[in-house]
Amino acid sequence: MLPRDLLDRTENREVISRLLDLGDRAIQTWDVVCSDFLSPPEITEALQIFSRMTEIHCLAWGGYAQAERQRLAISRGELPLDESIVSLTPISISGNFLFDTATHRDFLGAILGTGIERQKVGDVNVLGEKGAQAIVVPELLEYLQIHFNQVRTVPVKVSAISFDELKIRVPVTKELVSTEASLRLDAIASAGFGMSRSKMVDLINGDDVRVNWKTISQPSHQVKSGDLIAIRGKGRVTVGEIMITKKERFRVQMTRSV
């Protein structure tokens, strides 16, 4: 049995507990087992915990390199793991949305409205007037083809597609350098996202800012090299090298992706 004492120190206790149960099954059966889809904070915490264990290892994969929601494949340490082992099915949700534009929320809401649980659905990528694509657990394909037939007022058709047919928008990145008096989150994030310090403080106080996928509500939170700062709808900023200038200020390299 994998140790459970670490659950007291986890933020996603129920999720980690289920993953440890899967780990126990992987050890006992010598099979590779897959979790449901996990959110970025859950993935981050799970990988940190499992990296300390020698009995098992795991791999997170959501169908493409930039996928936010991913499944975790878990196996005994002696068994090989690769992305092809993670069971995923990409689907096309096709319809004519020219006169009734649908958002990510519309598509996801319509999928969940059929009775499917959120953890069975990975990323949903909207394709404008043509519909959307999504990644789901394979056993849902037939169910969706029968029960998922409308988004807003638009009839839709669900079909399986290959991973090569996924239309993934490659993030646009921009390299930035800023010199700041401190490494406070509000200072670094406002420079990285190109907005006023007061606006950034409002976003942080409103729990709209995440650092390494954890919501941070203190503007004074200290960032460090390697941190990822994310704001929903505004992209991400990765903190790169931090250097101290002769005037004892911080020269911070950042990469922004939108």
C-alpha atoms as a PDB file:
ATOM      1  CA  MET A   1       0.000   0.000   0.000  1.00  0.00           C
ATOM      2  CA  LEU A   2       1.267   3.459  -0.874  1.00  0.00           C
ATOM      3  CA  PRO A   3       1.600   5.793   2.135  1.00  0.00           C
ATOM      4  CA  ARG A   4      -1.443   7.893   3.037  1.00  0.00           C
ATOM      5  CA  ASP A   5       0.150  10.085   5.714  1.00  0.00           C
ATOM      6  CA  LEU A   6       0.985  12.755   3.144  1.00  0.00           C
ATOM      7  CA  LEU A   7      -2.717  13.402   2.471  1.00  0.00           C
ATOM      8  CA  ASP A   8      -2.834  15.748   5.462  1.00  0.00           C
ATOM      9  CA  ARG A   9      -0.529  18.147   3.596  1.00  0.00           C
ATOM     10  CA  THR A  10      -2.237  18.096   0.210  1.00  0.00           C
ATOM     11  CA  GLU A  11      -4.499  20.779  -1.251  1.00  0.00           C
ATOM     12  CA  ASN A  12      -6.417  18.352  -3.478  1.00  0.00           C
ATOM     13  CA  ARG A  13      -6.980  15.655  -0.869  1.00  0.00           C
ATOM     14  CA  GLU A  14      -9.812  13.724  -2.540  1.00  0.00           C
ATOM     15  CA  VAL A  15      -8.103  13.662  -5.929  1.00  0.00           C
ATOM     16  CA  ILE A  16      -4.754  12.567  -4.504  1.00  0.00           C
ATOM     17  CA  SER A  17      -6.476   9.877  -2.427  1.00  0.00           C
ATOM     18  CA  ARG A  18      -8.093   8.434  -5.572  1.00  0.00           C
ATOM     19  CA  LEU A  19      -4.748   8.542  -7.391  1.00  0.00           C
ATOM     20  CA  LEU A  20      -3.055   6.663  -4.560  1.00  0.00           C
ATOM     21  CA  ASP A  21      -5.778   4.004  -4.854  1.00  0.00           C
ATOM     22  CA  LEU A  22      -4.961   3.743  -8.561  1.00  0.00           C
ATOM     23  CA  GLY A  23      -1.292   3.457  -7.666  1.00  0.00           C
ATOM     24  CA  ASP A  24      -2.059   0.553  -5.341  1.00  0.00           C
ATOM     25  CA  ARG A  25      -3.973  -1.154  -8.155  1.00  0.00           C
ATOM     26  CA  ALA A  26      -1.082  -0.629 -10.568  1.00  0.00           C
ATOM     27  CA  ILE A  27       1.322  -2.256  -8.111  1.00  0.00           C
ATOM     28  CA  GLN A  28      -0.947  -5.218  -7.433  1.00  0.00           C
ATOM     29  CA  THR A  29      -2.007  -5.955 -11.017  1.00  0.00           C
ATOM     30  CA  TRP A  30       1.136  -4.954 -12.951  1.00  0.00           C
ATOM     31  CA  ASP A  31      -1.202  -2.999 -15.248  1.00  0.00           C
ATOM     32  CA  VAL A  32      -0.946   0.598 -16.370  1.00  0.00           C
ATOM     33  CA  VAL A  33      -3.958   2.470 -14.972  1.00  0.00           C
ATOM     34  CA  CYS A  34      -5.260   5.850 -16.077  1.00  0.00           C
ATOM     35  CA  SER A  35      -6.910   8.542 -13.978  1.00  0.00           C
ATOM     36  CA  ASP A  36      -9.734  10.799 -15.056  1.00  0.00           C
ATOM     37  CA  PHE A  37      -8.789  14.178 -16.492  1.00  0.00           C
ATOM     38  CA  LEU A  38      -7.075  16.391 -13.944  1.00  0.00           C
ATOM     39  CA  SER A  39      -6.827  20.172 -13.744  1.00  0.00           C
ATOM     40  CA  PRO A  40      -3.388  21.852 -13.826  1.00  0.00           C
ATOM     41  CA  PRO A  41      -3.187  22.298 -10.010  1.00  0.00           C
ATOM     42  CA  GLU A  42      -4.126  18.648  -9.494  1.00  0.00           C
ATOM     43  CA  ILE A  43      -1.558  17.487 -12.049  1.00  0.00           C
ATOM     44  CA  THR A  44       1.169  19.604 -10.478  1.00  0.00           C
ATOM     45  CA  GLU A  45       0.518  18.280  -6.977  1.00  0.00           C
ATOM     46  CA  ALA A  46       0.151  14.664  -8.125  1.00  0.00           C
ATOM     47  CA  LEU A  47       3.445  14.707 -10.020  1.00  0.00           C
ATOM     48  CA  GLN A  48       5.221  16.217  -7.024  1.00  0.00           C
ATOM     49  CA  ILE A  49       3.890  13.502  -4.711  1.00  0.00           C
ATOM     50  CA  PHE A  50       4.521  10.558  -7.023  1.00  0.00           C
ATOM     51  CA  SER A  51       8.061  11.756  -7.800  1.00  0.00           C
ATOM     52  CA  ARG A  52       8.975  10.860  -4.203  1.00  0.00           C
ATOM     53  CA  MET A  53       7.904   7.233  -4.590  1.00  0.00           C
ATOM     54  CA  THR A  54      10.123   4.501  -5.978  1.00  0.00           C
ATOM     55  CA  GLU A  55       7.442   1.811  -6.353  1.00  0.00           C
ATOM     56  CA  ILE A  56       5.568   3.594  -9.139  1.00  0.00           C
ATOM     57  CA  HIS A  57       5.986   6.264 -11.775  1.00  0.00           C
ATOM     58  CA  CYS A  58       3.499   8.237 -13.819  1.00  0.00           C
ATOM     59  CA  LEU A  59       3.025  10.287 -16.970  1.00  0.00           C
ATOM     60  CA  ALA A  60       0.566  13.130 -17.612  1.00  0.00           C
ATOM     61  CA  TRP A  61      -0.806  13.587 -21.135  1.00  0.00           C
ATOM     62  CA  GLY A  62      -3.799  15.385 -22.578  1.00  0.00           C
ATOM     63  CA  GLY A  63      -3.431  14.740 -26.299  1.00  0.00           C
ATOM     64  CA  TYR A  64      -1.069  17.560 -27.269  1.00  0.00           C
ATOM     65  CA  ALA A  65       1.805  19.487 -25.747  1.00  0.00           C
ATOM     66  CA  GLN A  66      -0.174  22.531 -24.548  1.00  0.00           C
ATOM     67  CA  ALA A  67      -3.140  20.601 -23.112  1.00  0.00           C
ATOM     68  CA  GLU A  68      -4.271  21.990 -19.758  1.00  0.00           C
ATOM     69  CA  ARG A  69      -6.411  19.057 -18.658  1.00  0.00           C
ATOM     70  CA  GLN A  70      -4.587  15.740 -18.715  1.00  0.00           C
ATOM     71  CA  ARG A  71      -4.960  12.139 -17.619  1.00  0.00           C
ATOM     72  CA  LEU A  72      -2.334  10.492 -15.459  1.00  0.00           C
ATOM     73  CA  ALA A  73      -1.004   7.064 -16.446  1.00  0.00           C
ATOM     74  CA  ILE A  74       0.362   5.200 -13.414  1.00  0.00           C
ATOM     75  CA  SER A  75       2.377   1.988 -13.401  1.00  0.00           C
ATOM     76  CA  ARG A  76       4.966   0.050 -11.458  1.00  0.00           C
ATOM     77  CA  GLY A  77       8.423   1.566 -11.715  1.00  0.00           C
ATOM     78  CA  GLU A  78       9.669  -1.397 -13.740  1.00  0.00           C
ATOM     79  CA  LEU A  79       7.195  -0.851 -16.576  1.00  0.00           C
ATOM     80  CA  PRO A  80       7.749   1.646 -19.411  1.00  0.00           C
ATOM     81  CA  LEU A  81       5.393   4.567 -19.932  1.00  0.00           C
ATOM     82  CA  ASP A  82       4.808   6.676 -23.006  1.00  0.00           C
ATOM     83  CA  GLU A  83       2.092   9.003 -24.274  1.00  0.00           C
ATOM     84  CA  SER A  84       0.456   6.323 -26.435  1.00  0.00           C
ATOM     85  CA  ILE A  85      -0.538   4.427 -23.284  1.00  0.00           C
ATOM     86  CA  VAL A  86      -2.826   7.252 -22.103  1.00  0.00           C
ATOM     87  CA  SER A  87      -6.323   6.432 -23.391  1.00  0.00           C
ATOM     88  CA  LEU A  88      -7.769   9.475 -25.155  1.00  0.00           C
ATOM     89  CA  THR A  89     -10.232  10.065 -27.974  1.00  0.00           C
ATOM     90  CA  PRO A  90     -10.282  13.373 -29.867  1.00  0.00           C
ATOM     91  CA  ILE A  91     -13.685  14.335 -31.242  1.00  0.00           C
ATOM     92  CA  SER A  92     -15.095  16.855 -33.689  1.00  0.00           C
ATOM     93  CA  ILE A  93     -18.229  18.806 -32.729  1.00  0.00           C
ATOM     94  CA  SER A  94     -19.360  20.143 -36.072  1.00  0.00           C
ATOM     95  CA  GLY A  95     -22.177  22.578 -36.800  1.00  0.00           C
ATOM     96  CA  ASN A  96     -22.898  25.907 -38.471  1.00  0.00           C
ATOM     97  CA  PHE A  97     -22.253  28.594 -35.865  1.00  0.00           C
ATOM     98  CA  LEU A  98     -22.082  31.467 -38.342  1.00  0.00           C
ATOM     99  CA  PHE A  99     -25.249  33.123 -37.000  1.00  0.00           C
ATOM    100  CA  ASP A 100     -25.139  31.887 -33.400  1.00  0.00           C
ATOM    101  CA  THR A 101     -21.603  32.083 -32.111  1.00  0.00           C
ATOM    102  CA  ALA A 102     -20.796  29.671 -29.282  1.00  0.00           C
ATOM    103  CA  THR A 103     -18.088  30.059 -26.641  1.00  0.00           C
ATOM    104  CA  HIS A 104     -15.994  27.537 -24.771  1.00  0.00           C
ATOM    105  CA  ARG A 105     -18.499  27.729 -21.924  1.00  0.00           C
ATOM    106  CA  ASP A 106     -21.368  26.971 -24.326  1.00  0.00           C
ATOM    107  CA  PHE A 107     -19.691  23.838 -25.704  1.00  0.00           C
ATOM    108  CA  LEU A 108     -18.565  22.550 -22.322  1.00  0.00           C
ATOM    109  CA  GLY A 109     -21.955  23.279 -20.780  1.00  0.00           C
ATOM    110  CA  ALA A 110     -23.737  21.400 -23.549  1.00  0.00           C
ATOM    111  CA  ILE A 111     -21.459  18.382 -23.106  1.00  0.00           C
ATOM    112  CA  LEU A 112     -21.980  18.305 -19.347  1.00  0.00           C
ATOM    113  CA  GLY A 113     -25.695  18.852 -19.898  1.00  0.00           C
ATOM    114  CA  THR A 114     -25.899  15.327 -21.301  1.00  0.00           C
ATOM    115  CA  GLY A 115     -25.044  13.995 -17.829  1.00  0.00           C
ATOM    116  CA  ILE A 116     -21.296  13.555 -18.292  1.00  0.00           C
ATOM    117  CA  GLU A 117     -18.988  14.391 -15.390  1.00  0.00           C
ATOM    118  CA  ARG A 118     -16.395  17.135 -15.907  1.00  0.00           C
ATOM    119  CA  GLN A 119     -13.476  14.834 -15.145  1.00  0.00           C
ATOM    120  CA  LYS A 120     -14.315  12.709 -18.184  1.00  0.00           C
ATOM    121  CA  VAL A 121     -13.661  15.632 -20.559  1.00  0.00           C
ATOM    122  CA  GLY A 122     -10.292  17.137 -21.401  1.00  0.00           C
ATOM    123  CA  ASP A 123      -9.612  20.338 -23.299  1.00  0.00           C
ATOM    124  CA  VAL A 124     -12.299  21.878 -25.512  1.00  0.00           C
ATOM    125  CA  ASN A 125     -10.989  24.053 -28.353  1.00  0.00           C
ATOM    126  CA  VAL A 126     -13.454  26.306 -30.180  1.00  0.00           C
ATOM    127  CA  LEU A 127     -13.069  26.605 -33.968  1.00  0.00           C
ATOM    128  CA  GLY A 128     -15.332  29.594 -34.566  1.00  0.00           C
ATOM    129  CA  GLU A 129     -18.220  29.158 -36.966  1.00  0.00           C
ATOM    130  CA  LYS A 130     -17.311  25.508 -37.685  1.00  0.00           C
ATOM    131  CA  GLY A 131     -17.803  24.231 -34.148  1.00  0.00           C
ATOM    132  CA  ALA A 132     -15.196  22.816 -31.802  1.00  0.00           C
ATOM    133  CA  GLN A 133     -12.925  19.912 -30.994  1.00  0.00           C
ATOM    134  CA  ALA A 134     -12.552  18.160 -27.669  1.00  0.00           C
ATOM    135  CA  ILE A 135     -10.702  15.282 -26.054  1.00  0.00           C
ATOM    136  CA  VAL A 136     -12.639  12.765 -23.980  1.00  0.00           C
ATOM    137  CA  VAL A 137     -12.206   9.344 -22.398  1.00  0.00           C
ATOM    138  CA  PRO A 138     -12.748   6.726 -25.145  1.00  0.00           C
ATOM    139  CA  GLU A 139     -15.773   5.088 -23.529  1.00  0.00           C
ATOM    140  CA  LEU A 140     -17.788   8.305 -23.953  1.00  0.00           C
ATOM    141  CA  LEU A 141     -17.666   8.470 -27.748  1.00  0.00           C
ATOM    142  CA  GLU A 142     -20.763   6.415 -28.488  1.00  0.00           C
ATOM    143  CA  TYR A 143     -22.740   8.094 -25.688  1.00  0.00           C
ATOM    144  CA  LEU A 144     -21.935  11.550 -27.029  1.00  0.00           C
ATOM    145  CA  GLN A 145     -22.810  10.562 -30.590  1.00  0.00           C
ATOM    146  CA  ILE A 146     -26.288   9.582 -29.355  1.00  0.00           C
ATOM    147  CA  HIS A 147     -27.025  12.213 -26.711  1.00  0.00           C
ATOM    148  CA  PHE A 148     -25.001  15.300 -27.655  1.00  0.00           C
ATOM    149  CA  ASN A 149     -26.821  16.944 -30.548  1.00  0.00           C
ATOM    150  CA  GLN A 150     -27.137  20.686 -29.877  1.00  0.00           C
ATOM    151  CA  VAL A 151     -25.108  23.693 -28.674  1.00  0.00           C
ATOM    152  CA  ARG A 152     -27.174  26.821 -28.094  1.00  0.00           C
ATOM    153  CA  THR A 153     -29.617  26.721 -31.039  1.00  0.00           C
ATOM    154  CA  VAL A 154     -27.253  24.927 -33.402  1.00  0.00           C
ATOM    155  CA  PRO A 155     -27.558  21.192 -34.218  1.00  0.00           C
ATOM    156  CA  VAL A 156     -24.189  19.436 -33.951  1.00  0.00           C
ATOM    157  CA  LYS A 157     -22.700  16.133 -34.998  1.00  0.00           C
ATOM    158  CA  VAL A 158     -20.036  14.328 -32.985  1.00  0.00           C
ATOM    159  CA  SER A 159     -17.429  12.179 -34.698  1.00  0.00           C
ATOM    160  CA  ALA A 160     -14.086  10.694 -33.736  1.00  0.00           C
ATOM    161  CA  ILE A 161     -11.027  12.230 -35.391  1.00  0.00           C
ATOM    162  CA  SER A 162      -7.328  11.464 -35.391  1.00  0.00           C
ATOM    163  CA  PHE A 163      -4.829  13.415 -33.308  1.00  0.00           C
ATOM    164  CA  ASP A 164      -3.366  14.731 -36.576  1.00  0.00           C
ATOM    165  CA  GLU A 165      -6.688  16.465 -37.263  1.00  0.00           C
ATOM    166  CA  LEU A 166      -6.596  18.493 -34.050  1.00  0.00           C
ATOM    167  CA  LYS A 167      -6.377  22.202 -34.822  1.00  0.00           C
ATOM    168  CA  ILE A 168      -4.305  23.500 -31.934  1.00  0.00           C
ATOM    169  CA  ARG A 169      -3.451  27.168 -31.767  1.00  0.00           C
ATOM    170  CA  VAL A 170       0.228  27.493 -30.976  1.00  0.00           C
ATOM    171  CA  PRO A 171       0.692  30.096 -28.214  1.00  0.00           C
ATOM    172  CA  VAL A 172       2.254  33.387 -29.300  1.00  0.00           C
ATOM    173  CA  THR A 173       5.158  34.226 -27.020  1.00  0.00           C
ATOM    174  CA  LYS A 174       6.907  37.476 -26.251  1.00  0.00           C
ATOM    175  CA  GLU A 175      10.176  37.914 -24.373  1.00  0.00           C
ATOM    176  CA  LEU A 176      10.215  40.696 -21.782  1.00  0.00           C
ATOM    177  CA  VAL A 177      12.724  42.256 -19.402  1.00  0.00           C
ATOM    178  CA  SER A 178      11.700  44.481 -16.518  1.00  0.00           C
ATOM    179  CA  THR A 179      13.600  46.073 -13.665  1.00  0.00           C
ATOM    180  CA  GLU A 180      11.665  46.166 -10.397  1.00  0.00           C
ATOM    181  CA  ALA A 181      12.315  47.257  -6.827  1.00  0.00           C
ATOM    182  CA  SER A 182      10.945  43.975  -5.456  1.00  0.00           C
ATOM    183  CA  LEU A 183       9.781  40.517  -6.477  1.00  0.00           C
ATOM    184  CA  ARG A 184       6.225  41.101  -5.281  1.00  0.00           C
ATOM    185  CA  LEU A 185       3.602  39.357  -7.370  1.00  0.00           C
ATOM    186  CA  ASP A 186       1.732  42.563  -8.163  1.00  0.00           C
ATOM    187  CA  ALA A 187       4.929  44.208  -9.440  1.00  0.00           C
ATOM    188  CA  ILE A 188       6.175  41.323 -11.580  1.00  0.00           C
ATOM    189  CA  ALA A 189       2.742  40.370 -12.934  1.00  0.00           C
ATOM    190  CA  SER A 190       1.808  43.936 -13.867  1.00  0.00           C
ATOM    191  CA  ALA A 191       5.053  44.227 -15.844  1.00  0.00           C
ATOM    192  CA  GLY A 192       4.603  40.813 -17.455  1.00  0.00           C
ATOM    193  CA  PHE A 193       0.988  41.351 -18.500  1.00  0.00           C
ATOM    194  CA  GLY A 194       1.436  45.016 -19.395  1.00  0.00           C
ATOM    195  CA  MET A 195      -1.199  46.455 -17.080  1.00  0.00           C
ATOM    196  CA  SER A 196      -1.277  48.914 -14.199  1.00  0.00           C
ATOM    197  CA  ARG A 197      -0.229  47.851 -10.726  1.00  0.00           C
ATOM    198  CA  SER A 198      -3.630  48.827  -9.310  1.00  0.00           C
ATOM    199  CA  LYS A 199      -5.470  46.712 -11.884  1.00  0.00           C
ATOM    200  CA  MET A 200      -3.235  43.754 -11.068  1.00  0.00           C
ATOM    201  CA  VAL A 201      -3.897  44.184  -7.350  1.00  0.00           C
ATOM    202  CA  ASP A 202      -7.633  44.067  -8.088  1.00  0.00           C
ATOM    203  CA  LEU A 203      -7.184  40.826 -10.046  1.00  0.00           C
ATOM    204  CA  ILE A 204      -5.086  39.266  -7.283  1.00  0.00           C
ATOM    205  CA  ASN A 205      -7.556  40.314  -4.582  1.00  0.00           C
ATOM    206  CA  GLY A 206     -10.343  38.842  -6.707  1.00  0.00           C
ATOM    207  CA  ASP A 207      -8.603  35.431  -6.810  1.00  0.00           C
ATOM    208  CA  ASP A 208      -8.090  35.689 -10.570  1.00  0.00           C
ATOM    209  CA  VAL A 209      -4.319  35.171 -10.485  1.00  0.00           C
ATOM    210  CA  ARG A 210      -2.608  31.802 -10.118  1.00  0.00           C
ATOM    211  CA  VAL A 211       1.062  31.072  -9.496  1.00  0.00           C
ATOM    212  CA  ASN A 212       2.116  27.557 -10.496  1.00  0.00           C
ATOM    213  CA  TRP A 213      -1.626  26.841 -10.817  1.00  0.00           C
ATOM    214  CA  LYS A 214      -2.364  27.827  -7.213  1.00  0.00           C
ATOM    215  CA  THR A 215      -4.613  30.818  -6.578  1.00  0.00           C
ATOM    216  CA  ILE A 216      -2.663  33.563  -4.809  1.00  0.00           C
ATOM    217  CA  SER A 217      -4.620  36.336  -3.103  1.00  0.00           C
ATOM    218  CA  GLN A 218      -1.724  38.292  -1.583  1.00  0.00           C
ATOM    219  CA  PRO A 219      -0.206  41.004  -3.817  1.00  0.00           C
ATOM    220  CA  SER A 220       2.971  40.815  -1.687  1.00  0.00           C
ATOM    221  CA  HIS A 221       3.568  37.141  -2.571  1.00  0.00           C
ATOM    222  CA  GLN A 222       7.225  36.737  -3.603  1.00  0.00           C
ATOM    223  CA  VAL A 223       7.843  35.187  -7.009  1.00  0.00           C
ATOM    224  CA  LYS A 224      10.965  33.314  -8.046  1.00  0.00           C
ATOM    225  CA  SER A 225      12.659  32.094 -11.194  1.00  0.00           C
ATOM    226  CA  GLY A 226      10.647  29.342 -12.863  1.00  0.00           C
ATOM    227  CA  ASP A 227       7.279  30.480 -11.526  1.00  0.00           C
ATOM    228  CA  LEU A 228       4.329  30.447 -13.919  1.00  0.00           C
ATOM    229  CA  ILE A 229       1.794  33.249 -13.457  1.00  0.00           C
ATOM    230  CA  ALA A 230      -1.590  32.735 -15.117  1.00  0.00           C
ATOM    231  CA  ILE A 231      -4.657  34.934 -15.475  1.00  0.00           C
ATOM    232  CA  ARG A 232      -7.736  33.418 -17.086  1.00  0.00           C
ATOM    233  CA  GLY A 233      -8.344  34.960 -20.497  1.00  0.00           C
ATOM    234  CA  LYS A 234      -5.061  36.880 -20.480  1.00  0.00           C
ATOM    235  CA  GLY A 235      -2.490  34.127 -20.937  1.00  0.00           C
ATOM    236  CA  ARG A 236       0.531  33.186 -18.896  1.00  0.00           C
ATOM    237  CA  VAL A 237       3.856  34.669 -17.871  1.00  0.00           C
ATOM    238  CA  THR A 238       6.844  32.487 -17.037  1.00  0.00           C
ATOM    239  CA  VAL A 239       9.471  34.083 -14.827  1.00  0.00           C
ATOM    240  CA  GLY A 240      12.962  33.469 -16.172  1.00  0.00           C
ATOM    241  CA  GLU A 241      16.350  34.538 -14.900  1.00  0.00           C
ATOM    242  CA  ILE A 242      16.422  37.096 -12.088  1.00  0.00           C
ATOM    243  CA  MET A 243      19.513  39.275 -11.678  1.00  0.00           C
ATOM    244  CA  ILE A 244      20.363  41.984  -9.154  1.00  0.00           C
ATOM    245  CA  THR A 245      21.568  45.268 -10.648  1.00  0.00           C
ATOM    246  CA  LYS A 246      24.247  47.578  -9.257  1.00  0.00           C
ATOM    247  CA  LYS A 247      21.478  49.683  -7.719  1.00  0.00           C
ATOM    248  CA  GLU A 248      20.184  46.561  -5.960  1.00  0.00           C
ATOM    249  CA  ARG A 249      17.046  46.272  -8.048  1.00  0.00           C
ATOM    250  CA  PHE A 250      15.772  43.107  -9.700  1.00  0.00           C
ATOM    251  CA  ARG A 251      16.178  42.634 -13.429  1.00  0.00           C
ATOM    252  CA  VAL A 252      13.624  39.990 -14.380  1.00  0.00           C
ATOM    253  CA  GLN A 253      13.400  38.111 -17.657  1.00  0.00           C
ATOM    254  CA  MET A 254       9.906  36.895 -18.535  1.00  0.00           C
ATOM    255  CA  THR A 255       8.137  35.046 -21.330  1.00  0.00           C
ATOM    256  CA  ARG A 256       4.519  35.879 -21.967  1.00  0.00           C
ATOM    257  CA  SER A 257       2.289  33.533 -23.929  1.00  0.00           C
ATOM    258  CA  VAL A 258      -1.235  34.282 -25.139  1.00  0.00           C
END
